[in-house]
Amino acid sequence: MIRVNDASLAESLSSHGLALVDFGAVWCPPCKTLKPIMNEIGDEYKGRVAVLEVDCDESPETAAKYGVMSMPTVMLFRDGEAVEKLVGFRPKAAYENLLAKYV
């Protein structure tokens, strides 16, 4: 998983066709539970999907821009544009099903 912030997210999104972005915070228990799942997805989809991590406390402009009101929020971007959004913790299969529509 690649950690990005307000300054680097746009560049990361433009350099990857598909990017799964995990918006969370270090103090958020469901976010901590999701992190290993996102790492697994990053490994399994390496070269096809970039898995990015945004700490909403460190990147409030990015969180506001994409309407992140609850954490974790996972968004799928294609060519820099948000195409899907899942709010709240979900099992790994939910993220795999989401990716299956685009990979």
Foldseek 3Di string as FASTA:
>chain_A
DAEDAQVCPQVVLQVAQKEKEWEEAPVDVLSVVCVVLLVVVCVVCPPHYHYYYYDCVRHVVVCVVVVPPAPGKIFMDGNRHTDDIDHDHDDSVVVVVVVVVPD
